[in-house]
Amino acid sequence: MRAAFWVGCAALLLSACSSEPVQQATAAHVSLGMKAAMSSAGEANCAMIGGSLSAARQLDGSVIGMCALPNGKRCSEQSLAAGNCGSY
């Protein structure tokens, strides 16, 4: 009985230590500083083709401007300006 109690306590402590905070990586949680990642020319190009503006955080922590195209494809500001996004 006593061993079962200690095993239960140990399991409770271990499960409490393994919990992580909820990650919020959706577009709804983009901070205002990230919205400034796209230049006004990139914003205009994205709007002209019917896309919607967003920002994407890279693995190194940098932020780049992204355009969500009407066909569902996402394209970076640089690729959109260079014409490397294919058909819209």
Protein backbone atom coordinates (compact mmCIF):
# COMPACT_ATOMS: atom_id res chain seq x y z
CA MET A 1 0.00 0.00 0.00
CA ARG A 2 2.79 2.38 0.93
CA ALA A 3 4.74 1.57 -2.27
CA ALA A 4 1.65 2.24 -4.39
CA PHE A 5 1.28 5.63 -2.72
CA TRP A 6 4.88 6.59 -3.53
CA VAL A 7 4.57 5.34 -7.10
CA GLY A 8 1.43 7.45 -7.51
CA CYS A 9 3.17 10.53 -6.10
CA ALA A 10 6.17 10.01 -8.39
CA ALA A 11 3.92 9.64 -11.43
CA LEU A 12 2.06 12.81 -10.49
CA LEU A 13 5.29 14.78 -10.08
CA LEU A 14 6.73 13.51 -13.36
CA SER A 15 3.59 14.33 -15.30
CA ALA A 16 3.56 17.86 -13.87
CA CYS A 17 7.18 18.41 -14.89
CA SER A 18 6.63 17.33 -18.48
CA SER A 19 3.88 19.81 -19.30
CA GLU A 20 4.82 22.57 -21.75
CA PRO A 21 3.10 25.88 -22.42
CA VAL A 22 0.72 25.96 -25.35
CA GLN A 23 2.40 27.24 -28.51
CA GLN A 24 0.48 29.86 -30.45
CA ALA A 25 1.79 29.91 -33.99
CA THR A 26 -1.33 30.89 -35.87
CA ALA A 27 -1.76 34.03 -37.91
CA ALA A 28 -4.21 35.32 -35.30
CA HIS A 29 -1.35 35.66 -32.81
CA VAL A 30 1.05 37.67 -34.99
CA SER A 31 2.38 40.64 -33.09
CA LEU A 32 2.27 44.15 -34.54
CA GLY A 33 6.03 44.19 -35.00
CA MET A 34 5.83 41.19 -37.29
CA LYS A 35 3.20 42.84 -39.49
CA ALA A 36 5.78 45.44 -40.53
CA ALA A 37 7.94 42.74 -42.13
CA MET A 38 6.58 43.38 -45.64
CA SER A 39 7.47 46.52 -47.53
CA SER A 40 4.80 48.77 -48.99
CA ALA A 41 5.74 47.62 -52.52
CA GLY A 42 5.36 43.98 -51.48
CA GLU A 43 2.07 44.78 -49.82
CA ALA A 44 0.83 46.49 -52.99
CA ASN A 45 1.95 43.58 -55.21
CA CYS A 46 0.17 41.11 -52.94
CA ALA A 47 -3.03 43.17 -52.90
CA MET A 48 -3.00 43.61 -56.70
CA ILE A 49 -3.20 39.87 -57.29
CA GLY A 50 -5.89 39.36 -54.64
CA GLY A 51 -3.63 37.93 -51.95
CA SER A 52 -3.65 38.54 -48.23
CA LEU A 53 -0.68 39.75 -46.25
CA SER A 54 1.01 37.82 -43.45
CA ALA A 55 4.38 37.48 -41.76
CA ALA A 56 6.34 34.30 -41.17
CA ARG A 57 8.95 33.80 -38.47
CA GLN A 58 11.95 31.82 -39.69
CA LEU A 59 13.92 29.28 -37.65
CA ASP A 60 16.68 31.82 -37.02
CA GLY A 61 14.16 34.27 -35.51
CA SER A 62 13.97 36.61 -38.49
CA VAL A 63 10.61 37.62 -39.94
CA ILE A 64 9.77 37.72 -43.65
CA GLY A 65 6.71 39.01 -45.44
CA MET A 66 4.45 36.40 -47.02
CA CYS A 67 1.54 36.70 -49.44
CA ALA A 68 -1.25 34.11 -49.30
CA LEU A 69 -2.34 33.84 -52.93
CA PRO A 70 -5.97 33.23 -54.00
CA ASN A 71 -5.07 29.69 -55.17
CA GLY A 72 -3.94 28.76 -51.64
CA LYS A 73 -0.21 28.99 -52.31
CA ARG A 74 2.01 31.13 -50.07
CA CYS A 75 4.81 33.14 -51.57
CA SER A 76 7.52 35.28 -50.00
CA GLU A 77 7.75 38.97 -50.79
CA GLN A 78 11.06 38.47 -52.63
CA SER A 79 9.75 35.61 -54.76
CA LEU A 80 6.62 37.57 -55.61
CA ALA A 81 8.69 40.57 -56.74
CA ALA A 82 10.97 38.33 -58.82
CA GLY A 83 8.01 36.59 -60.48
CA ASN A 84 8.91 33.15 -59.11
CA CYS A 85 5.48 32.36 -57.67
CA GLY A 86 3.98 30.82 -60.81
CA SER A 87 0.37 31.41 -61.75
CA TYR A 88 -1.99 33.01 -59.27
